C-alpha atoms as a PDB file:
ATOM      1  CA  MET A   1     129.147  92.453  96.544  1.00  0.00           C
ATOM      2  CA  ALA A   2     125.454  92.661  95.680  1.00  0.00           C
ATOM      3  CA  SER A   3     123.342  95.116  97.683  1.00  0.00           C
ATOM      4  CA  PHE A   4     119.701  96.095  97.881  1.00  0.00           C
ATOM      5  CA  ALA A   5     120.124  99.871  98.266  1.00  0.00           C
ATOM      6  CA  LEU A   6     122.532 102.584  99.322  1.00  0.00           C
ATOM      7  CA  ALA A   7     122.605 106.349  99.823  1.00  0.00           C
ATOM      8  CA  LEU A   8     124.763 109.167 101.093  1.00  0.00           C
ATOM      9  CA  GLY A   9     123.005 111.816 103.148  1.00  0.00           C
ATOM     10  CA  THR A  10     122.990 114.179 106.063  1.00  0.00           C
ATOM     11  CA  ALA A  11     121.867 113.221 109.551  1.00  0.00           C
ATOM     12  CA  THR A  12     120.511 115.101 112.537  1.00  0.00           C
ATOM     13  CA  LYS A  13     121.730 114.027 115.962  1.00  0.00           C
ATOM     14  CA  ASN A  14     120.387 114.794 119.416  1.00  0.00           C
ATOM     15  CA  GLN A  15     122.506 115.909 122.367  1.00  0.00           C
ATOM     16  CA  ASP A  16     123.379 112.283 123.107  1.00  0.00           C
ATOM     17  CA  GLY A  17     124.858 111.871 119.645  1.00  0.00           C
ATOM     18  CA  LYS A  18     122.081 109.590 118.408  1.00  0.00           C
ATOM     19  CA  ILE A  19     120.693 110.009 114.884  1.00  0.00           C
ATOM     20  CA  ILE A  20     117.054 111.130 114.951  1.00  0.00           C
ATOM     21  CA  GLU A  21     116.525 111.597 111.189  1.00  0.00           C
ATOM     22  CA  ALA A  22     118.409 111.404 107.897  1.00  0.00           C
ATOM     23  CA  TYR A  23     118.025 113.026 104.473  1.00  0.00           C
ATOM     24  CA  PHE A  24     119.015 111.146 101.301  1.00  0.00           C
ATOM     25  CA  PRO A  25     118.531 113.227  98.132  1.00  0.00           C
ATOM     26  CA  ALA A  26     119.638 110.542  95.673  1.00  0.00           C
ATOM     27  CA  PRO A  27     119.133 106.986  96.973  1.00  0.00           C
ATOM     28  CA  LEU A  28     120.131 104.120  94.691  1.00  0.00           C
ATOM     29  CA  LEU A  29     118.265 100.848  94.317  1.00  0.00           C
ATOM     30  CA  ASN A  30     120.220  97.687  93.423  1.00  0.00           C
ATOM     31  CA  PRO A  31     123.598  99.458  93.024  1.00  0.00           C
ATOM     32  CA  SER A  32     126.289  97.725  91.004  1.00  0.00           C
ATOM     33  CA  ASP A  33     128.893  95.523  92.639  1.00  0.00           C
ATOM     34  CA  GLU A  34     131.569  97.882  91.302  1.00  0.00           C
ATOM     35  CA  LEU A  35     130.043 100.858  93.136  1.00  0.00           C
ATOM     36  CA  VAL A  36     129.648  98.958  96.390  1.00  0.00           C
ATOM     37  CA  ASN A  37     133.238  97.739  96.176  1.00  0.00           C
ATOM     38  CA  ALA A  38     134.495 101.262  95.444  1.00  0.00           C
ATOM     39  CA  LEU A  39     132.618 102.686  98.446  1.00  0.00           C
ATOM     40  CA  SER A  40     133.884  99.844 100.625  1.00  0.00           C
ATOM     41  CA  ALA A  41     137.461 100.837  99.774  1.00  0.00           C
ATOM     42  CA  LEU A  42     136.735 104.447 100.783  1.00  0.00           C
ATOM     43  CA  THR A  43     134.800 103.752 104.001  1.00  0.00           C
ATOM     44  CA  ASP A  44     134.523 101.249 106.826  1.00  0.00           C
ATOM     45  CA  TYR A  45     131.874  99.184 105.056  1.00  0.00           C
ATOM     46  CA  THR A  46     132.456  95.439 105.153  1.00  0.00           C
ATOM     47  CA  SER A  47     129.175  93.623 104.595  1.00  0.00           C
ATOM     48  CA  GLY A  48     125.566  93.437 105.677  1.00  0.00           C
ATOM     49  CA  ASN A  49     123.439  96.457 106.512  1.00  0.00           C
ATOM     50  CA  GLN A  50     125.537  99.307 107.882  1.00  0.00           C
ATOM     51  CA  VAL A  51     125.248 102.993 108.742  1.00  0.00           C
ATOM     52  CA  ILE A  52     128.685 104.588 108.341  1.00  0.00           C
ATOM     53  CA  GLU A  53     129.624 108.106 109.338  1.00  0.00           C
ATOM     54  CA  VAL A  54     131.578 109.835 106.577  1.00  0.00           C
ATOM     55  CA  ALA A  55     134.018 112.731 106.844  1.00  0.00           C
ATOM     56  CA  PRO A  56     133.467 115.602 104.377  1.00  0.00           C
ATOM     57  CA  GLU A  57     137.017 115.242 103.057  1.00  0.00           C
ATOM     58  CA  THR A  58     136.146 111.722 101.862  1.00  0.00           C
ATOM     59  CA  CYS A  59     133.233 112.983  99.760  1.00  0.00           C
ATOM     60  CA  GLY A  60     135.388 114.010  96.789  1.00  0.00           C
ATOM     61  CA  ALA A  61     136.445 110.418  96.213  1.00  0.00           C
ATOM     62  CA  ILE A  62     132.898 109.209  96.910  1.00  0.00           C
ATOM     63  CA  SER A  63     131.618 111.641  94.282  1.00  0.00           C
ATOM     64  CA  GLU A  64     134.046 110.160  91.739  1.00  0.00           C
ATOM     65  CA  ALA A  65     132.784 106.656  92.592  1.00  0.00           C
ATOM     66  CA  PHE A  66     129.199 107.745  92.013  1.00  0.00           C
ATOM     67  CA  SER A  67     130.160 109.413  88.731  1.00  0.00           C
ATOM     68  CA  ALA A  68     131.849 106.233  87.530  1.00  0.00           C
ATOM     69  CA  ALA A  69     128.600 104.395  88.263  1.00  0.00           C
ATOM     70  CA  ASP A  70     126.547 106.968  86.270  1.00  0.00           C
ATOM     71  CA  ALA A  71     124.809 108.113  89.454  1.00  0.00           C
ATOM     72  CA  SER A  72     125.017 111.807  88.581  1.00  0.00           C
ATOM     73  CA  GLN A  73     122.640 113.181  91.222  1.00  0.00           C
ATOM     74  CA  ALA A  74     124.375 111.240  93.984  1.00  0.00           C
ATOM     75  CA  ALA A  75     127.735 112.431  92.648  1.00  0.00           C
ATOM     76  CA  THR A  76     126.567 116.055  92.708  1.00  0.00           C
ATOM     77  CA  PHE A  77     125.412 115.757  96.307  1.00  0.00           C
ATOM     78  CA  ALA A  78     128.649 114.079  97.393  1.00  0.00           C
ATOM     79  CA  ASN A  79     130.668 116.824  95.707  1.00  0.00           C
ATOM     80  CA  LYS A  80     128.693 119.550  97.499  1.00  0.00           C
ATOM     81  CA  ALA A  81     128.935 117.642 100.787  1.00  0.00           C
ATOM     82  CA  GLN A  82     132.672 118.355 100.929  1.00  0.00           C
ATOM     83  CA  GLN A  83     131.790 121.819 102.257  1.00  0.00           C
ATOM     84  CA  THR A  84     129.169 120.822 104.828  1.00  0.00           C
ATOM     85  CA  THR A  85     129.400 121.022 108.598  1.00  0.00           C
ATOM     86  CA  GLN A  86     126.456 118.639 109.033  1.00  0.00           C
ATOM     87  CA  PRO A  87     127.006 114.988 110.018  1.00  0.00           C
ATOM     88  CA  LEU A  88     127.165 112.750 106.957  1.00  0.00           C
ATOM     89  CA  VAL A  89     126.137 109.108 106.791  1.00  0.00           C
ATOM     90  CA  LEU A  90     126.486 106.433 104.152  1.00  0.00           C
ATOM     91  CA  VAL A  91     123.836 103.718 104.470  1.00  0.00           C
ATOM     92  CA  ILE A  92     124.401 100.475 102.604  1.00  0.00           C
ATOM     93  CA  LEU A  93     121.720  97.802 102.780  1.00  0.00           C
ATOM     94  CA  GLU A  94     122.912  94.435 101.557  1.00  0.00           C
ATOM     95  CA  ASN A  95     119.558  92.851 102.394  1.00  0.00           C
ATOM     96  CA  ASP A  96     115.987  94.094 102.534  1.00  0.00           C
ATOM     97  CA  ILE A  97     115.229  93.125 106.114  1.00  0.00           C
ATOM     98  CA  LYS A  98     113.638  94.766 109.144  1.00  0.00           C
ATOM     99  CA  PRO A  99     115.359  98.160 109.655  1.00  0.00           C
ATOM    100  CA  ALA A 100     117.648  98.197 112.682  1.00  0.00           C
ATOM    101  CA  SER A 101     118.378 101.926 112.891  1.00  0.00           C
ATOM    102  CA  VAL A 102     116.708 105.285 112.344  1.00  0.00           C
ATOM    103  CA  ALA A 103     118.932 106.003 109.330  1.00  0.00           C
ATOM    104  CA  GLU A 104     117.962 102.704 107.693  1.00  0.00           C
ATOM    105  CA  GLY A 105     114.286 103.441 108.308  1.00  0.00           C
ATOM    106  CA  PHE A 106     114.524 106.917 106.811  1.00  0.00           C
ATOM    107  CA  LEU A 107     116.324 105.550 103.751  1.00  0.00           C
ATOM    108  CA  LYS A 108     113.541 103.033 103.144  1.00  0.00           C
ATOM    109  CA  LEU A 109     110.852 105.696 103.521  1.00  0.00           C
ATOM    110  CA  GLN A 110     112.646 107.841 100.968  1.00  0.00           C
ATOM    111  CA  LEU A 111     112.981 104.918  98.553  1.00  0.00           C
ATOM    112  CA  ILE A 112     109.173 104.846  98.482  1.00  0.00           C
ATOM    113  CA  SER A 113     108.726 108.602  98.143  1.00  0.00           C
ATOM    114  CA  HIS A 114     111.318 108.708  95.348  1.00  0.00           C
ATOM    115  CA  ARG A 115     109.143 106.064  93.599  1.00  0.00           C
ATOM    116  CA  LEU A 116     112.023 103.606  93.523  1.00  0.00           C
ATOM    117  CA  VAL A 117     109.848 101.026  95.274  1.00  0.00           C
ATOM    118  CA  LYS A 118     106.090 100.830  95.814  1.00  0.00           C
ATOM    119  CA  PRO A 119     104.259 100.437  99.110  1.00  0.00           C
ATOM    120  CA  HIS A 120     104.745  96.892 100.426  1.00  0.00           C
ATOM    121  CA  GLY A 121     107.796  96.697  98.154  1.00  0.00           C
ATOM    122  CA  VAL A 122     110.257  97.114 101.014  1.00  0.00           C
ATOM    123  CA  VAL A 123     110.369  95.604 104.502  1.00  0.00           C
ATOM    124  CA  LEU A 124     109.256  98.147 107.105  1.00  0.00           C
ATOM    125  CA  ASP A 125     108.387  95.765 109.950  1.00  0.00           C
ATOM    126  CA  GLY A 126     109.027  97.379 113.325  1.00  0.00           C
ATOM    127  CA  LEU A 127     109.567 100.857 111.883  1.00  0.00           C
ATOM    128  CA  PHE A 128     106.812 102.471 113.930  1.00  0.00           C
ATOM    129  CA  GLY A 129     108.455 101.262 117.146  1.00  0.00           C
ATOM    130  CA  LEU A 130     111.952 102.155 115.933  1.00  0.00           C
ATOM    131  CA  LEU A 131     111.188 105.831 115.331  1.00  0.00           C
ATOM    132  CA  HIS A 132     110.174 108.227 118.096  1.00  0.00           C
ATOM    133  CA  ASN A 133     108.356 111.529 118.196  1.00  0.00           C
ATOM    134  CA  ILE A 134     110.325 114.535 116.959  1.00  0.00           C
ATOM    135  CA  ALA A 135     109.491 118.239 116.896  1.00  0.00           C
ATOM    136  CA  TRP A 136     109.601 119.190 113.200  1.00  0.00           C
ATOM    137  CA  THR A 137     110.314 122.911 113.202  1.00  0.00           C
ATOM    138  CA  ASN A 138     111.300 125.812 110.954  1.00  0.00           C
ATOM    139  CA  GLN A 139     114.827 125.252 112.289  1.00  0.00           C
ATOM    140  CA  GLY A 140     114.879 121.568 111.483  1.00  0.00           C
ATOM    141  CA  PRO A 141     114.084 118.427 113.504  1.00  0.00           C
ATOM    142  CA  ILE A 142     114.593 118.711 117.274  1.00  0.00           C
ATOM    143  CA  ASP A 143     114.489 115.898 119.797  1.00  0.00           C
ATOM    144  CA  LEU A 144     111.620 116.578 122.203  1.00  0.00           C
ATOM    145  CA  PRO A 145     113.735 116.685 125.415  1.00  0.00           C
ATOM    146  CA  GLU A 146     115.784 119.482 123.801  1.00  0.00           C
ATOM    147  CA  LEU A 147     112.830 121.517 122.571  1.00  0.00           C
ATOM    148  CA  PRO A 148     112.164 123.759 125.643  1.00  0.00           C
ATOM    149  CA  GLU A 149     115.780 124.956 125.731  1.00  0.00           C
ATOM    150  CA  ARG A 150     115.815 125.592 121.987  1.00  0.00           C
ATOM    151  CA  GLN A 151     112.570 127.584 122.272  1.00  0.00           C
ATOM    152  CA  MET A 152     114.055 129.735 125.048  1.00  0.00           C
ATOM    153  CA  GLU A 153     117.223 130.331 123.047  1.00  0.00           C
ATOM    154  CA  ALA A 154     115.200 131.428 120.039  1.00  0.00           C
ATOM    155  CA  ARG A 155     113.097 133.865 122.091  1.00  0.00           C
ATOM    156  CA  LEU A 156     116.178 135.382 123.696  1.00  0.00           C
ATOM    157  CA  LYS A 157     117.443 136.110 120.169  1.00  0.00           C
ATOM    158  CA  GLY A 158     114.128 137.732 119.275  1.00  0.00           C
ATOM    159  CA  GLU A 159     113.176 134.779 117.084  1.00  0.00           C
ATOM    160  CA  THR A 160     110.250 132.362 117.049  1.00  0.00           C
ATOM    161  CA  LEU A 161     110.841 128.644 116.830  1.00  0.00           C
ATOM    162  CA  THR A 162     107.785 127.341 114.992  1.00  0.00           C
ATOM    163  CA  VAL A 163     106.830 123.749 115.728  1.00  0.00           C
ATOM    164  CA  GLU A 164     105.018 122.544 112.621  1.00  0.00           C
ATOM    165  CA  CYS A 165     104.165 119.140 114.070  1.00  0.00           C
ATOM    166  CA  VAL A 166     105.195 116.563 116.667  1.00  0.00           C
ATOM    167  CA  ASP A 167     105.309 113.167 114.993  1.00  0.00           C
ATOM    168  CA  LYS A 168     107.452 110.184 114.107  1.00  0.00           C
ATOM    169  CA  PHE A 169     107.173 110.965 110.414  1.00  0.00           C
ATOM    170  CA  PRO A 170     107.917 114.333 108.768  1.00  0.00           C
ATOM    171  CA  LYS A 171     106.116 115.660 105.733  1.00  0.00           C
ATOM    172  CA  MET A 172     107.321 114.170 102.473  1.00  0.00           C
ATOM    173  CA  THR A 173     108.000 117.455 100.681  1.00  0.00           C
ATOM    174  CA  ASP A 174     110.781 118.381 103.116  1.00  0.00           C
ATOM    175  CA  TYR A 175     112.698 115.449 101.621  1.00  0.00           C
ATOM    176  CA  VAL A 176     111.419 114.953  98.079  1.00  0.00           C
ATOM    177  CA  VAL A 177     108.838 116.477  95.725  1.00  0.00           C
ATOM    178  CA  PRO A 178     108.060 113.869  93.056  1.00  0.00           C
ATOM    179  CA  ALA A 179     107.608 115.081  89.497  1.00  0.00           C
ATOM    180  CA  GLY A 180     104.131 115.841  88.174  1.00  0.00           C
ATOM    181  CA  VAL A 181     102.122 116.186  91.388  1.00  0.00           C
ATOM    182  CA  ARG A 182      99.988 118.845  93.065  1.00  0.00           C
ATOM    183  CA  ILE A 183      99.757 118.894  96.865  1.00  0.00           C
ATOM    184  CA  ALA A 184      97.541 121.623  98.302  1.00  0.00           C
ATOM    185  CA  ASP A 185      98.596 121.089 101.955  1.00  0.00           C
ATOM    186  CA  THR A 186     102.025 119.467 102.167  1.00  0.00           C
ATOM    187  CA  ALA A 187     101.621 118.654 105.867  1.00  0.00           C
ATOM    188  CA  ARG A 188      99.045 116.022 104.908  1.00  0.00           C
ATOM    189  CA  VAL A 189     101.451 113.798 102.971  1.00  0.00           C
ATOM    190  CA  ARG A 190     103.885 111.902 105.185  1.00  0.00           C
ATOM    191  CA  LEU A 191     107.399 110.819 104.264  1.00  0.00           C
ATOM    192  CA  GLY A 192     107.121 107.297 102.892  1.00  0.00           C
ATOM    193  CA  ALA A 193     104.098 108.157 100.759  1.00  0.00           C
ATOM    194  CA  HIS A 194     104.167 107.072  97.112  1.00  0.00           C
ATOM    195  CA  VAL A 195     102.534 109.864  95.088  1.00  0.00           C
ATOM    196  CA  GLY A 196     102.132 108.808  91.472  1.00  0.00           C
ATOM    197  CA  GLU A 197     102.766 111.173  88.589  1.00  0.00           C
ATOM    198  CA  GLY A 198      99.566 113.023  87.770  1.00  0.00           C
ATOM    199  CA  THR A 199      98.141 112.822  91.293  1.00  0.00           C
ATOM    200  CA  THR A 200      96.480 115.818  92.924  1.00  0.00           C
ATOM    201  CA  VAL A 201      96.133 115.875  96.712  1.00  0.00           C
ATOM    202  CA  MET A 202      93.615 118.517  97.762  1.00  0.00           C
ATOM    203  CA  HIS A 203      93.595 120.335 101.114  1.00  0.00           C
ATOM    204  CA  GLU A 204      91.674 117.626 102.984  1.00  0.00           C
ATOM    205  CA  GLY A 205      93.425 114.757 101.225  1.00  0.00           C
ATOM    206  CA  PHE A 206      95.887 112.665 103.245  1.00  0.00           C
ATOM    207  CA  ILE A 207      98.452 110.016 102.302  1.00  0.00           C
ATOM    208  CA  ASN A 208     100.186 108.019 105.026  1.00  0.00           C
ATOM    209  CA  PHE A 209     103.574 106.287 104.844  1.00  0.00           C
ATOM    210  CA  ASN A 210     103.855 103.014 102.887  1.00  0.00           C
ATOM    211  CA  ALA A 211     100.748 104.031 100.944  1.00  0.00           C
ATOM    212  CA  GLY A 212      99.804 106.103  97.934  1.00  0.00           C
ATOM    213  CA  THR A 213      98.759 106.268  94.315  1.00  0.00           C
ATOM    214  CA  GLU A 214      99.930 104.525  91.182  1.00  0.00           C
ATOM    215  CA  GLY A 215      99.340 107.394  88.750  1.00  0.00           C
ATOM    216  CA  VAL A 216      96.657 109.956  87.941  1.00  0.00           C
ATOM    217  CA  SER A 217      94.323 110.313  90.936  1.00  0.00           C
ATOM    218  CA  MET A 218      92.337 112.971  92.745  1.00  0.00           C
ATOM    219  CA  VAL A 219      92.786 112.541  96.499  1.00  0.00           C
ATOM    220  CA  GLU A 220      90.308 114.453  98.647  1.00  0.00           C
ATOM    221  CA  GLY A 221      89.981 111.793 101.350  1.00  0.00           C
ATOM    222  CA  ARG A 222      92.298 109.634 103.435  1.00  0.00           C
ATOM    223  CA  ILE A 223      94.678 106.979 102.099  1.00  0.00           C
ATOM    224  CA  SER A 224      95.774 105.144 105.231  1.00  0.00           C
ATOM    225  CA  ALA A 225      99.011 103.230 105.842  1.00  0.00           C
ATOM    226  CA  GLY A 226      99.522 100.263 103.543  1.00  0.00           C
ATOM    227  CA  VAL A 227      96.871 101.253 100.971  1.00  0.00           C
ATOM    228  CA  MET A 228      97.656 101.549  97.260  1.00  0.00           C
ATOM    229  CA  VAL A 229      95.274 103.289  94.835  1.00  0.00           C
ATOM    230  CA  GLY A 230      95.390 102.322  91.164  1.00  0.00           C
ATOM    231  CA  ASN A 231      95.863 104.651  88.210  1.00  0.00           C
ATOM    232  CA  GLY A 232      92.817 106.740  87.336  1.00  0.00           C
ATOM    233  CA  SER A 233      90.981 106.220  90.627  1.00  0.00           C
ATOM    234  CA  ASP A 234      89.549 109.012  92.781  1.00  0.00           C
ATOM    235  CA  ILE A 235      89.146 109.310  96.552  1.00  0.00           C
ATOM    236  CA  GLY A 236      86.208 111.644  97.221  1.00  0.00           C
ATOM    237  CA  GLY A 237      86.051 114.383  99.828  1.00  0.00           C
ATOM    238  CA  GLY A 238      86.030 113.021 103.370  1.00  0.00           C
ATOM    239  CA  ALA A 239      86.329 109.418 102.178  1.00  0.00           C
ATOM    240  CA  SER A 240      88.275 106.933 104.307  1.00  0.00           C
ATOM    241  CA  ILE A 241      90.231 103.766 103.536  1.00  0.00           C
ATOM    242  CA  MET A 242      91.087 101.328 106.317  1.00  0.00           C
ATOM    243  CA  GLY A 243      94.847 100.986 106.692  1.00  0.00           C
ATOM    244  CA  THR A 244      97.153  97.996 106.881  1.00  0.00           C
ATOM    245  CA  LEU A 245     100.347  98.530 108.871  1.00  0.00           C
ATOM    246  CA  SER A 246     103.447  96.596 107.838  1.00  0.00           C
ATOM    247  CA  GLY A 247     103.329  93.231 109.565  1.00  0.00           C
ATOM    248  CA  GLY A 248      99.649  93.716 110.408  1.00  0.00           C
ATOM    249  CA  GLY A 249      96.549  91.909 109.190  1.00  0.00           C
ATOM    250  CA  GLN A 250      96.303  89.513 106.287  1.00  0.00           C
ATOM    251  CA  ILE A 251      93.988  91.663 104.156  1.00  0.00           C
ATOM    252  CA  VAL A 252      95.802  94.440 102.291  1.00  0.00           C
ATOM    253  CA  VAL A 253      93.200  97.046 101.368  1.00  0.00           C
ATOM    254  CA  SER A 254      93.652  98.558  97.913  1.00  0.00           C
ATOM    255  CA  ILE A 255      91.750 100.168  95.052  1.00  0.00           C
ATOM    256  CA  GLY A 256      92.090  99.098  91.420  1.00  0.00           C
ATOM    257  CA  GLU A 257      92.177 101.317  88.356  1.00  0.00           C
ATOM    258  CA  ASN A 258      89.490 103.828  87.280  1.00  0.00           C
ATOM    259  CA  SER A 259      87.420 103.388  90.421  1.00  0.00           C
ATOM    260  CA  LEU A 260      85.633 105.928  92.598  1.00  0.00           C
ATOM    261  CA  LEU A 261      85.281 106.093  96.370  1.00  0.00           C
ATOM    262  CA  GLY A 262      82.485 108.640  96.785  1.00  0.00           C
ATOM    263  CA  ALA A 263      82.485 111.594  99.161  1.00  0.00           C
ATOM    264  CA  ASN A 264      82.349 110.514 102.830  1.00  0.00           C
ATOM    265  CA  ALA A 265      82.387 106.859 101.778  1.00  0.00           C
ATOM    266  CA  GLY A 266      84.607 104.187 103.317  1.00  0.00           C
ATOM    267  CA  LEU A 267      86.412 101.056 102.201  1.00  0.00           C
ATOM    268  CA  GLY A 268      87.701  98.067 104.168  1.00  0.00           C
ATOM    269  CA  PHE A 269      88.435  95.440 101.496  1.00  0.00           C
ATOM    270  CA  PRO A 270      90.358  95.317  98.170  1.00  0.00           C
ATOM    271  CA  LEU A 271      88.259  97.087  95.529  1.00  0.00           C
ATOM    272  CA  GLY A 272      88.661  96.049  91.883  1.00  0.00           C
ATOM    273  CA  ASP A 273      88.899  98.029  88.642  1.00  0.00           C
ATOM    274  CA  ARG A 274      86.099 100.335  87.440  1.00  0.00           C
ATOM    275  CA  CYS A 275      84.172 100.087  90.695  1.00  0.00           C
ATOM    276  CA  THR A 276      82.154 102.724  92.538  1.00  0.00           C
ATOM    277  CA  ILE A 277      81.141 103.056  96.184  1.00  0.00           C
ATOM    278  CA  GLU A 278      78.421 105.670  96.460  1.00  0.00           C
ATOM    279  CA  SER A 279      78.788 108.737  98.668  1.00  0.00           C
ATOM    280  CA  GLY A 280      78.315 108.130 102.378  1.00  0.00           C
ATOM    281  CA  LEU A 281      78.494 104.327 102.168  1.00  0.00           C
ATOM    282  CA  TYR A 282      81.125 102.549 104.293  1.00  0.00           C
ATOM    283  CA  VAL A 283      81.766  98.980 103.156  1.00  0.00           C
ATOM    284  CA  THR A 284      84.006  96.847 105.379  1.00  0.00           C
ATOM    285  CA  ALA A 285      85.200  93.318 104.641  1.00  0.00           C
ATOM    286  CA  GLY A 286      82.399  91.844 106.736  1.00  0.00           C
ATOM    287  CA  THR A 287      79.563  93.984 105.366  1.00  0.00           C
ATOM    288  CA  LYS A 288      76.649  91.874 104.110  1.00  0.00           C
ATOM    289  CA  VAL A 289      75.998  92.779 100.479  1.00  0.00           C
ATOM    290  CA  THR A 290      72.877  91.898  98.491  1.00  0.00           C
ATOM    291  CA  MET A 291      73.757  91.005  94.911  1.00  0.00           C
ATOM    292  CA  LEU A 292      71.329  92.234  92.255  1.00  0.00           C
ATOM    293  CA  ASP A 293      70.798  90.921  88.738  1.00  0.00           C
ATOM    294  CA  ALA A 294      70.330  93.055  85.604  1.00  0.00           C
ATOM    295  CA  ASP A 295      66.641  93.542  86.477  1.00  0.00           C
ATOM    296  CA  GLY A 296      67.389  94.727  90.010  1.00  0.00           C
ATOM    297  CA  ASN A 297      66.262  91.498  91.660  1.00  0.00           C
ATOM    298  CA  ALA A 298      68.113  90.109  94.679  1.00  0.00           C
ATOM    299  CA  VAL A 299      70.113  86.992  93.809  1.00  0.00           C
ATOM    300  CA  GLU A 300      72.173  86.206  96.893  1.00  0.00           C
ATOM    301  CA  SER A 301      73.810  87.735  99.960  1.00  0.00           C
ATOM    302  CA  VAL A 302      77.598  87.694 100.366  1.00  0.00           C
ATOM    303  CA  LYS A 303      80.208  89.383 102.498  1.00  0.00           C
ATOM    304  CA  ALA A 304      82.099  92.199 100.825  1.00  0.00           C
ATOM    305  CA  ARG A 305      85.385  90.323 101.214  1.00  0.00           C
ATOM    306  CA  ASP A 306      84.011  87.727  98.760  1.00  0.00           C
ATOM    307  CA  LEU A 307      83.952  90.493  96.116  1.00  0.00           C
ATOM    308  CA  ALA A 308      87.583  91.516  96.681  1.00  0.00           C
ATOM    309  CA  GLY A 309      89.328  92.467  93.459  1.00  0.00           C
ATOM    310  CA  LYS A 310      86.280  91.932  91.246  1.00  0.00           C
ATOM    311  CA  ALA A 311      85.796  94.571  88.536  1.00  0.00           C
ATOM    312  CA  ASP A 312      82.841  96.662  87.331  1.00  0.00           C
ATOM    313  CA  LEU A 313      80.803  96.767  90.532  1.00  0.00           C
ATOM    314  CA  LEU A 314      78.615  99.512  91.964  1.00  0.00           C
ATOM    315  CA  PHE A 315      77.956  99.507  95.711  1.00  0.00           C
ATOM    316  CA  ARG A 316      74.975 101.474  97.001  1.00  0.00           C
ATOM    317  CA  ARG A 317      72.625 101.601  99.961  1.00  0.00           C
ATOM    318  CA  ASN A 318      68.925 100.980  99.363  1.00  0.00           C
ATOM    319  CA  SER A 319      67.221 104.175 100.509  1.00  0.00           C
ATOM    320  CA  LYS A 320      64.091 102.245 101.602  1.00  0.00           C
ATOM    321  CA  THR A 321      65.490  99.171 103.335  1.00  0.00           C
ATOM    322  CA  GLY A 322      68.997 100.355 104.255  1.00  0.00           C
ATOM    323  CA  ALA A 323      70.490  97.211 102.735  1.00  0.00           C
ATOM    324  CA  VAL A 324      73.875  97.435 101.012  1.00  0.00           C
ATOM    325  CA  GLU A 325      73.430  96.372  97.400  1.00  0.00           C
ATOM    326  CA  CYS A 326      75.842  95.574  94.576  1.00  0.00           C
ATOM    327  CA  LEU A 327      75.166  95.545  90.859  1.00  0.00           C
ATOM    328  CA  THR A 328      77.107  95.849  87.625  1.00  0.00           C
ATOM    329  CA  ASN A 329      78.659  99.288  87.214  1.00  0.00           C
ATOM    330  CA  LYS A 330      77.405 100.139  83.732  1.00  0.00           C
ATOM    331  CA  SER A 331      78.998 103.589  83.570  1.00  0.00           C
ATOM    332  CA  ALA A 332      82.745 103.438  83.940  1.00  0.00           C
ATOM    333  CA  VAL A 333      84.339 106.275  85.888  1.00  0.00           C
ATOM    334  CA  GLU A 334      85.626 109.032  83.619  1.00  0.00           C
ATOM    335  CA  LEU A 335      88.036 111.411  85.274  1.00  0.00           C
ATOM    336  CA  ASN A 336      88.023 115.132  84.640  1.00  0.00           C
ATOM    337  CA  HIS A 337      91.244 115.452  82.643  1.00  0.00           C
ATOM    338  CA  GLU A 338      91.398 119.213  83.043  1.00  0.00           C
ATOM    339  CA  LEU A 339      91.124 118.892  86.803  1.00  0.00           C
ATOM    340  CA  HIS A 340      93.909 116.321  86.837  1.00  0.00           C
ATOM    341  CA  ALA A 341      96.309 118.312  84.661  1.00  0.00           C
ATOM    342  CA  ASN A 342      99.228 119.126  86.954  1.00  0.00           C
ATOM    343  CA  ASN A 343     101.592 120.818  84.539  1.00  0.00           C
END
């Protein structure tokens, strides 16, 4: 019984018994038919995409099934889950289709953050409407209608319930910390971000869900939803990249390898390899760009979208005329290897 993904995890429910979030420490991509069949025999799974509540006493046998499939981390979690009092859910996705439940959505977000799939590598259509705002607190996620009572209860115990944010998406590091990264302010990287090994996210850097970096990058600006930044590329301080929500526009904004988006610059079209956009320059897909030859003479005028994916380009603004110009980027971007050393 072939499946796309599966995971065992804990879930948080509101007072109405509805799941508002789920944590999956060891999701599996493309699990074997033998594992799916073994889990089917232990649970109520039949076929399709299902979210199944699991009793702790079943987790011993589930752990053995994971072990037989060489899924050691999943087996360890299942073994420990025998002692939990938290609700447990097993999510099995036979097909990669639009998520139909909160648990399915959270599993897909964690597949990205675990680097098992890349942004745009999993169907997230409708996710933003499926999830709702949650109070993410030092005592875990709390459904907003329940928050005032929980705050009062905490105060009456002499405690403070700290609300870290109110959002549909929690911070990634509460669920997974990928190997080989530095994140100065963890609140600025949402669950569902893909943070490549070697990436540094500074205090003002931001990575949205279904977006991220391929490998070594310095992120001091904003990587919006749907954007992927290639290995060796830098996002300068205060820089902005226009996002592409799942199911949104036709143009997927991205940055190739070894490129530089300068401080306070902006990007609204796919940038190729070894390209530079100078500091303070915002180039959208419709920006008129004057192309220059090797002698600095104007050759033609094109829209930036016509240069999508082309390598070795330097975009700058003419300080006298204000025109946006593009010429061959003769000096390839060289990253500061010491600055990017995370370990």
